[in-house]
């Protein structure tokens, strides 16, 4: 309960933390099932919370998807949560680019490669980054 009081957790993440703290494995599953039944542990809430937090931190859908996969969540649940989250990824990309590069389009291929690497690392698709850096609208 202490861990859940601080923030949302996924079942896999919570299991790992409880094992690290020395909880017996047979009790962990039993208690996590009880918490799920009572609505205190919810993968959907965890996904929503994590996506919201990471997107506000300037990360794109690909990076968020990978981080959630590493935390043991199912790819189909992640994809559905990303579709339903309501984040304007094009606007998010524009904001990240504006903050990092002051809205300056790349003047040469080296600058373009630098901006592209940064934005793709942040989790935005090559297609979206290419459209942004070429000056075409992201909605075209």
N, C-alpha and C. Protein backbone atom coordinates (compact mmCIF):
# COMPACT_ATOMS: atom_id res chain seq x y z
N UNK A 1 0.83 -1.20 0.00
CA UNK A 1 0.00 0.00 0.00
C UNK A 1 0.87 1.25 0.00
N UNK A 2 1.99 1.17 0.68
CA UNK A 2 2.90 2.31 0.73
C UNK A 2 3.35 2.73 -0.67
N UNK A 3 3.70 1.75 -1.48
CA UNK A 3 4.16 2.02 -2.84
C UNK A 3 3.04 2.62 -3.69
N UNK A 4 1.84 2.10 -3.56
CA UNK A 4 0.71 2.60 -4.34
C UNK A 4 0.26 3.99 -3.89
N UNK A 5 0.53 4.32 -2.66
CA UNK A 5 0.13 5.64 -2.15
C UNK A 5 0.95 6.75 -2.80
N UNK A 6 2.16 6.43 -3.21
CA UNK A 6 3.04 7.44 -3.80
C UNK A 6 2.70 7.74 -5.24
N UNK A 7 2.48 6.67 -6.04
CA UNK A 7 2.15 6.82 -7.46
C UNK A 7 1.58 5.51 -7.97
N UNK A 8 1.03 5.55 -9.19
CA UNK A 8 0.51 4.33 -9.82
C UNK A 8 1.68 3.41 -10.16
N UNK A 9 1.45 2.12 -10.08
CA UNK A 9 2.43 1.12 -10.46
C UNK A 9 1.77 0.07 -11.33
N UNK A 10 2.55 -0.54 -12.20
CA UNK A 10 2.09 -1.69 -12.96
C UNK A 10 2.28 -2.94 -12.10
N UNK A 11 1.56 -3.98 -12.45
CA UNK A 11 1.65 -5.22 -11.67
C UNK A 11 3.06 -5.80 -11.66
N UNK A 12 3.72 -5.83 -12.81
CA UNK A 12 5.07 -6.39 -12.91
C UNK A 12 6.05 -5.56 -12.08
N UNK A 13 5.93 -4.26 -12.19
CA UNK A 13 6.81 -3.36 -11.44
C UNK A 13 6.61 -3.52 -9.92
N UNK A 14 5.37 -3.61 -9.51
CA UNK A 14 5.06 -3.77 -8.09
C UNK A 14 5.55 -5.12 -7.57
N UNK A 15 5.40 -6.16 -8.37
CA UNK A 15 5.90 -7.48 -7.99
C UNK A 15 7.41 -7.44 -7.77
N UNK A 16 8.11 -6.82 -8.71
CA UNK A 16 9.57 -6.72 -8.60
C UNK A 16 9.98 -5.97 -7.34
N UNK A 17 9.33 -4.87 -7.05
CA UNK A 17 9.66 -4.08 -5.86
C UNK A 17 9.38 -4.85 -4.57
N UNK A 18 8.28 -5.58 -4.53
CA UNK A 18 7.94 -6.35 -3.34
C UNK A 18 8.92 -7.50 -3.12
N UNK A 19 9.34 -8.12 -4.21
CA UNK A 19 10.35 -9.19 -4.08
C UNK A 19 11.67 -8.64 -3.55
N UNK A 20 12.05 -7.45 -4.03
CA UNK A 20 13.28 -6.82 -3.55
C UNK A 20 13.21 -6.52 -2.05
N UNK A 21 12.00 -6.28 -1.58
CA UNK A 21 11.83 -5.97 -0.15
C UNK A 21 11.64 -7.23 0.69
N UNK A 22 11.73 -8.39 0.04
CA UNK A 22 11.70 -9.66 0.79
C UNK A 22 10.34 -10.27 1.01
N UNK A 23 9.33 -9.83 0.28
CA UNK A 23 7.99 -10.41 0.45
C UNK A 23 7.95 -11.81 -0.15
N UNK A 24 7.28 -12.75 0.51
CA UNK A 24 7.17 -14.11 -0.03
C UNK A 24 6.37 -14.12 -1.34
N UNK A 25 6.89 -14.80 -2.37
CA UNK A 25 6.23 -14.80 -3.69
C UNK A 25 4.77 -15.25 -3.67
N UNK A 26 4.43 -16.22 -2.83
CA UNK A 26 3.05 -16.71 -2.80
C UNK A 26 2.09 -15.64 -2.26
N UNK A 27 2.56 -14.79 -1.38
CA UNK A 27 1.71 -13.71 -0.86
C UNK A 27 1.58 -12.55 -1.84
N UNK A 28 2.62 -12.34 -2.63
CA UNK A 28 2.61 -11.20 -3.57
C UNK A 28 1.44 -11.32 -4.54
N UNK A 29 1.33 -12.46 -5.23
CA UNK A 29 0.25 -12.63 -6.21
C UNK A 29 -1.12 -12.53 -5.57
N UNK A 30 -1.26 -13.12 -4.41
CA UNK A 30 -2.53 -13.10 -3.68
C UNK A 30 -2.93 -11.66 -3.35
N UNK A 31 -2.01 -10.89 -2.83
CA UNK A 31 -2.30 -9.50 -2.44
C UNK A 31 -2.52 -8.61 -3.66
N UNK A 32 -1.75 -8.82 -4.72
CA UNK A 32 -1.95 -8.02 -5.93
C UNK A 32 -3.30 -8.30 -6.57
N UNK A 33 -3.74 -9.56 -6.51
CA UNK A 33 -5.09 -9.89 -7.00
C UNK A 33 -6.14 -9.17 -6.17
N UNK A 34 -5.97 -9.14 -4.86
CA UNK A 34 -6.91 -8.46 -3.98
C UNK A 34 -6.94 -6.96 -4.28
N UNK A 35 -5.77 -6.36 -4.45
CA UNK A 35 -5.70 -4.92 -4.76
C UNK A 35 -6.35 -4.61 -6.11
N UNK A 36 -6.19 -5.50 -7.06
CA UNK A 36 -6.81 -5.31 -8.37
C UNK A 36 -8.34 -5.39 -8.24
N UNK A 37 -8.83 -6.36 -7.50
CA UNK A 37 -10.27 -6.50 -7.30
C UNK A 37 -10.87 -5.28 -6.61
N UNK A 38 -10.12 -4.71 -5.67
CA UNK A 38 -10.60 -3.53 -4.94
C UNK A 38 -10.43 -2.25 -5.75
N UNK A 39 -9.79 -2.34 -6.91
CA UNK A 39 -9.61 -1.16 -7.76
C UNK A 39 -8.45 -0.28 -7.35
N UNK A 40 -7.62 -0.78 -6.45
CA UNK A 40 -6.46 0.02 -6.01
C UNK A 40 -5.26 -0.15 -6.92
N UNK A 41 -5.23 -1.23 -7.67
CA UNK A 41 -4.15 -1.49 -8.62
C UNK A 41 -4.79 -1.63 -10.00
N UNK A 42 -4.42 -0.73 -10.90
CA UNK A 42 -5.03 -0.73 -12.22
C UNK A 42 -3.97 -0.48 -13.29
N UNK A 43 -3.83 -1.43 -14.21
CA UNK A 43 -2.88 -1.27 -15.31
C UNK A 43 -3.31 -0.10 -16.20
N UNK A 44 -4.60 0.07 -16.41
CA UNK A 44 -5.09 1.15 -17.27
C UNK A 44 -4.74 2.51 -16.67
N UNK A 45 -4.94 2.66 -15.38
CA UNK A 45 -4.57 3.93 -14.71
C UNK A 45 -3.07 4.17 -14.78
N UNK A 46 -2.31 3.10 -14.59
CA UNK A 46 -0.85 3.20 -14.66
C UNK A 46 -0.41 3.65 -16.05
N UNK A 47 -0.96 3.03 -17.09
CA UNK A 47 -0.63 3.42 -18.45
C UNK A 47 -0.96 4.89 -18.71
N UNK A 48 -2.14 5.29 -18.31
CA UNK A 48 -2.59 6.67 -18.52
C UNK A 48 -1.66 7.65 -17.79
N UNK A 49 -1.34 7.35 -16.57
CA UNK A 49 -0.48 8.21 -15.77
C UNK A 49 0.92 8.29 -16.35
N UNK A 50 1.49 7.16 -16.75
CA UNK A 50 2.84 7.12 -17.28
C UNK A 50 2.92 7.87 -18.61
N UNK A 51 1.96 7.64 -19.49
CA UNK A 51 1.96 8.31 -20.80
C UNK A 51 1.83 9.82 -20.61
N UNK A 52 0.96 10.22 -19.73
CA UNK A 52 0.76 11.64 -19.48
C UNK A 52 2.04 12.29 -18.94
N UNK A 53 2.66 11.65 -17.98
CA UNK A 53 3.89 12.18 -17.38
C UNK A 53 5.03 12.28 -18.40
N UNK A 54 5.25 11.19 -19.14
CA UNK A 54 6.37 11.18 -20.08
C UNK A 54 6.12 12.11 -21.27
N UNK A 55 4.89 12.24 -21.71
CA UNK A 55 4.62 13.14 -22.83
C UNK A 55 4.81 14.60 -22.39
N UNK A 56 4.41 14.92 -21.17
CA UNK A 56 4.66 16.27 -20.65
C UNK A 56 6.14 16.56 -20.49
N UNK A 57 6.93 15.49 -20.33
CA UNK A 57 8.39 15.64 -20.21
C UNK A 57 9.06 15.74 -21.57
N UNK A 58 8.29 15.70 -22.64
CA UNK A 58 8.85 15.90 -23.98
C UNK A 58 9.22 14.64 -24.73
N UNK A 59 8.65 13.52 -24.35
CA UNK A 59 8.96 12.27 -25.03
C UNK A 59 7.83 11.88 -25.97
N UNK A 60 8.20 11.25 -27.07
CA UNK A 60 7.25 10.84 -28.09
C UNK A 60 6.74 9.43 -27.87
N UNK A 61 5.80 9.02 -28.73
CA UNK A 61 5.15 7.73 -28.54
C UNK A 61 6.08 6.52 -28.66
N UNK A 62 7.06 6.56 -29.52
CA UNK A 62 7.96 5.40 -29.68
C UNK A 62 8.78 5.18 -28.42
N UNK A 63 9.29 6.24 -27.84
CA UNK A 63 10.09 6.13 -26.62
C UNK A 63 9.24 5.65 -25.44
N UNK A 64 8.04 6.20 -25.33
CA UNK A 64 7.12 5.81 -24.26
C UNK A 64 6.72 4.35 -24.41
N UNK A 65 6.44 3.94 -25.65
CA UNK A 65 6.08 2.54 -25.92
C UNK A 65 7.20 1.61 -25.46
N UNK A 66 8.43 1.95 -25.79
CA UNK A 66 9.58 1.11 -25.42
C UNK A 66 9.75 1.05 -23.89
N UNK A 67 9.62 2.18 -23.23
CA UNK A 67 9.77 2.21 -21.77
C UNK A 67 8.70 1.35 -21.09
N UNK A 68 7.48 1.42 -21.58
CA UNK A 68 6.40 0.62 -21.01
C UNK A 68 6.60 -0.87 -21.28
N UNK A 69 7.12 -1.19 -22.46
CA UNK A 69 7.41 -2.60 -22.77
C UNK A 69 8.47 -3.14 -21.82
N UNK A 70 9.46 -2.33 -21.51
CA UNK A 70 10.51 -2.75 -20.59
C UNK A 70 9.98 -2.95 -19.18
N UNK A 71 8.86 -2.32 -18.88
CA UNK A 71 8.25 -2.47 -17.56
C UNK A 71 7.27 -3.65 -17.51
N UNK A 72 7.24 -4.44 -18.58
CA UNK A 72 6.47 -5.67 -18.56
C UNK A 72 5.02 -5.55 -18.96
N UNK A 73 4.62 -4.46 -19.57
CA UNK A 73 3.22 -4.33 -20.00
C UNK A 73 3.06 -4.90 -21.39
N UNK A 74 1.85 -5.34 -21.72
CA UNK A 74 1.57 -5.95 -23.01
C UNK A 74 1.52 -4.89 -24.10
N UNK A 75 2.10 -5.23 -25.24
CA UNK A 75 2.20 -4.29 -26.37
C UNK A 75 0.82 -3.81 -26.82
N UNK A 76 -0.16 -4.70 -26.85
CA UNK A 76 -1.51 -4.31 -27.29
C UNK A 76 -2.13 -3.30 -26.33
N UNK A 77 -1.93 -3.48 -25.03
CA UNK A 77 -2.45 -2.52 -24.04
C UNK A 77 -1.77 -1.17 -24.18
N UNK A 78 -0.46 -1.21 -24.43
CA UNK A 78 0.30 0.03 -24.60
C UNK A 78 -0.19 0.78 -25.83
N UNK A 79 -0.33 0.07 -26.95
CA UNK A 79 -0.78 0.72 -28.19
C UNK A 79 -2.17 1.32 -28.04
N UNK A 80 -3.05 0.60 -27.37
CA UNK A 80 -4.40 1.12 -27.15
C UNK A 80 -4.36 2.37 -26.27
N UNK A 81 -3.57 2.34 -25.22
CA UNK A 81 -3.46 3.50 -24.33
C UNK A 81 -2.87 4.71 -25.06
N UNK A 82 -1.90 4.48 -25.93
CA UNK A 82 -1.31 5.57 -26.71
C UNK A 82 -2.33 6.17 -27.68
N UNK A 83 -3.16 5.32 -28.26
CA UNK A 83 -4.20 5.82 -29.17
C UNK A 83 -5.25 6.64 -28.43
N UNK A 84 -5.58 6.22 -27.21
CA UNK A 84 -6.67 6.84 -26.47
C UNK A 84 -6.23 7.98 -25.55
N UNK A 85 -4.94 8.25 -25.48
CA UNK A 85 -4.45 9.22 -24.49
C UNK A 85 -4.81 10.66 -24.79
N UNK A 86 -5.09 10.98 -26.03
CA UNK A 86 -5.49 12.34 -26.38
C UNK A 86 -4.33 13.32 -26.48
N UNK A 87 -3.10 12.83 -26.53
CA UNK A 87 -1.94 13.71 -26.66
C UNK A 87 -1.80 14.11 -28.13
N UNK A 88 -1.57 15.38 -28.37
CA UNK A 88 -1.30 15.89 -29.71
C UNK A 88 0.20 15.71 -29.97
N UNK A 89 0.56 14.57 -30.59
CA UNK A 89 1.98 14.25 -30.77
C UNK A 89 2.66 15.24 -31.69
N UNK A 90 1.95 15.74 -32.70
CA UNK A 90 2.55 16.73 -33.60
C UNK A 90 2.85 18.01 -32.83
N UNK A 91 1.92 18.43 -32.01
CA UNK A 91 2.14 19.62 -31.18
C UNK A 91 3.26 19.41 -30.18
N UNK A 92 3.32 18.21 -29.63
CA UNK A 92 4.38 17.85 -28.68
C UNK A 92 5.75 17.93 -29.37
N UNK A 93 5.83 17.37 -30.57
CA UNK A 93 7.08 17.42 -31.34
C UNK A 93 7.49 18.86 -31.60
N UNK A 94 6.55 19.67 -32.03
CA UNK A 94 6.84 21.08 -32.30
C UNK A 94 7.35 21.79 -31.04
N UNK A 95 6.73 21.52 -29.90
CA UNK A 95 7.15 22.15 -28.64
C UNK A 95 8.56 21.74 -28.24
N UNK A 96 8.86 20.45 -28.35
CA UNK A 96 10.19 19.95 -27.99
C UNK A 96 11.23 20.58 -28.90
N UNK A 97 10.94 20.60 -30.20
CA UNK A 97 11.86 21.19 -31.18
C UNK A 97 12.07 22.69 -30.90
N UNK A 98 10.99 23.37 -30.61
CA UNK A 98 11.05 24.81 -30.32
C UNK A 98 11.93 25.08 -29.09
N UNK A 99 11.74 24.31 -28.03
CA UNK A 99 12.52 24.51 -26.81
C UNK A 99 14.00 24.20 -27.02
N UNK A 100 14.28 23.12 -27.72
CA UNK A 100 15.67 22.68 -27.88
C UNK A 100 16.43 23.51 -28.92
N UNK A 101 15.76 23.82 -30.03
CA UNK A 101 16.46 24.45 -31.14
C UNK A 101 15.95 25.86 -31.45
N UNK A 102 15.20 26.44 -30.55
CA UNK A 102 14.68 27.81 -30.68
C UNK A 102 13.93 28.03 -31.99
N UNK A 103 13.35 26.99 -32.53
CA UNK A 103 12.57 27.13 -33.76
C UNK A 103 13.41 27.42 -34.99
N UNK A 104 14.70 27.18 -34.92
CA UNK A 104 15.59 27.44 -36.06
C UNK A 104 15.68 26.20 -36.93
N UNK A 105 15.22 26.33 -38.16
CA UNK A 105 15.35 25.22 -39.10
C UNK A 105 16.83 24.98 -39.37
N UNK A 106 17.20 23.73 -39.62
CA UNK A 106 18.61 23.42 -39.85
C UNK A 106 19.14 24.12 -41.10
N UNK A 107 20.33 24.72 -40.97
CA UNK A 107 20.92 25.47 -42.08
C UNK A 107 21.73 24.58 -43.02
N UNK A 108 22.19 23.45 -42.53
CA UNK A 108 23.01 22.57 -43.34
C UNK A 108 22.72 21.11 -42.98
N UNK A 109 23.23 20.17 -43.75
CA UNK A 109 22.95 18.75 -43.47
C UNK A 109 23.40 18.30 -42.09
N UNK A 110 24.49 18.85 -41.60
CA UNK A 110 24.98 18.46 -40.28
C UNK A 110 23.99 18.88 -39.18
N UNK A 111 23.48 20.10 -39.28
CA UNK A 111 22.51 20.60 -38.30
C UNK A 111 21.21 19.81 -38.41
N UNK A 112 20.83 19.46 -39.64
CA UNK A 112 19.61 18.66 -39.84
C UNK A 112 19.77 17.29 -39.18
N UNK A 113 20.92 16.67 -39.36
CA UNK A 113 21.17 15.36 -38.76
C UNK A 113 21.15 15.46 -37.24
N UNK A 114 21.71 16.52 -36.70
CA UNK A 114 21.72 16.72 -35.24
C UNK A 114 20.29 16.84 -34.71
N UNK A 115 19.49 17.67 -35.33
CA UNK A 115 18.11 17.86 -34.88
C UNK A 115 17.31 16.56 -35.05
N UNK A 116 17.53 15.87 -36.17
CA UNK A 116 16.82 14.62 -36.41
C UNK A 116 17.16 13.58 -35.34
N UNK A 117 18.46 13.41 -35.07
CA UNK A 117 18.88 12.43 -34.06
C UNK A 117 18.24 12.73 -32.71
N UNK A 118 18.26 13.99 -32.31
CA UNK A 118 17.69 14.35 -31.01
C UNK A 118 16.20 14.02 -30.95
N UNK A 119 15.45 14.40 -31.97
CA UNK A 119 14.00 14.21 -31.95
C UNK A 119 13.61 12.74 -32.07
N UNK A 120 14.35 11.98 -32.86
CA UNK A 120 14.07 10.55 -32.97
C UNK A 120 14.41 9.85 -31.66
N UNK A 121 15.51 10.24 -31.03
CA UNK A 121 15.87 9.68 -29.73
C UNK A 121 14.78 9.95 -28.71
N UNK A 122 14.15 11.10 -28.81
CA UNK A 122 13.07 11.45 -27.90
C UNK A 122 11.81 10.64 -28.14
N UNK A 123 11.75 9.92 -29.28
CA UNK A 123 10.62 9.03 -29.51
C UNK A 123 9.64 9.46 -30.57
N UNK A 124 10.04 10.40 -31.42
CA UNK A 124 9.16 10.83 -32.51
C UNK A 124 9.59 10.12 -33.79
N UNK A 125 8.63 9.83 -34.65
CA UNK A 125 8.93 9.05 -35.86
C UNK A 125 9.74 9.88 -36.86
N UNK A 126 10.50 9.17 -37.68
CA UNK A 126 11.30 9.83 -38.72
C UNK A 126 10.40 10.62 -39.66
N UNK A 127 9.23 10.07 -39.94
CA UNK A 127 8.31 10.77 -40.84
C UNK A 127 7.88 12.12 -40.25
N UNK A 128 7.49 12.12 -38.99
CA UNK A 128 7.06 13.37 -38.35
C UNK A 128 8.22 14.36 -38.27
N UNK A 129 9.39 13.89 -37.91
CA UNK A 129 10.57 14.77 -37.80
C UNK A 129 10.92 15.33 -39.17
N UNK A 130 10.90 14.49 -40.19
CA UNK A 130 11.21 14.95 -41.55
C UNK A 130 10.25 16.03 -42.01
N UNK A 131 8.98 15.83 -41.74
CA UNK A 131 7.97 16.84 -42.13
C UNK A 131 8.20 18.16 -41.40
N UNK A 132 8.50 18.07 -40.12
CA UNK A 132 8.74 19.29 -39.34
C UNK A 132 9.97 20.03 -39.85
N UNK A 133 11.07 19.32 -40.04
CA UNK A 133 12.33 19.97 -40.40
C UNK A 133 12.35 20.44 -41.86
N UNK A 134 11.49 19.89 -42.68
CA UNK A 134 11.43 20.37 -44.08
C UNK A 134 10.53 21.60 -44.20
N UNK A 135 9.88 21.96 -43.11
CA UNK A 135 9.02 23.15 -43.12
C UNK A 135 7.60 22.85 -43.55
N UNK A 136 7.33 21.59 -43.92
CA UNK A 136 5.95 21.22 -44.26
C UNK A 136 5.17 21.07 -42.97
N UNK A 137 3.92 21.33 -43.04
CA UNK A 137 3.08 21.17 -41.85
C UNK A 137 2.99 19.72 -41.46
N UNK A 138 2.85 19.46 -40.19
CA UNK A 138 2.72 18.08 -39.69
C UNK A 138 1.35 17.51 -39.99
N UNK A 139 0.40 18.35 -40.35
CA UNK A 139 -0.95 17.90 -40.61
C UNK A 139 -1.22 17.64 -42.10
N UNK A 140 -0.23 17.94 -42.95
CA UNK A 140 -0.41 17.76 -44.40
C UNK A 140 -0.60 16.32 -44.76
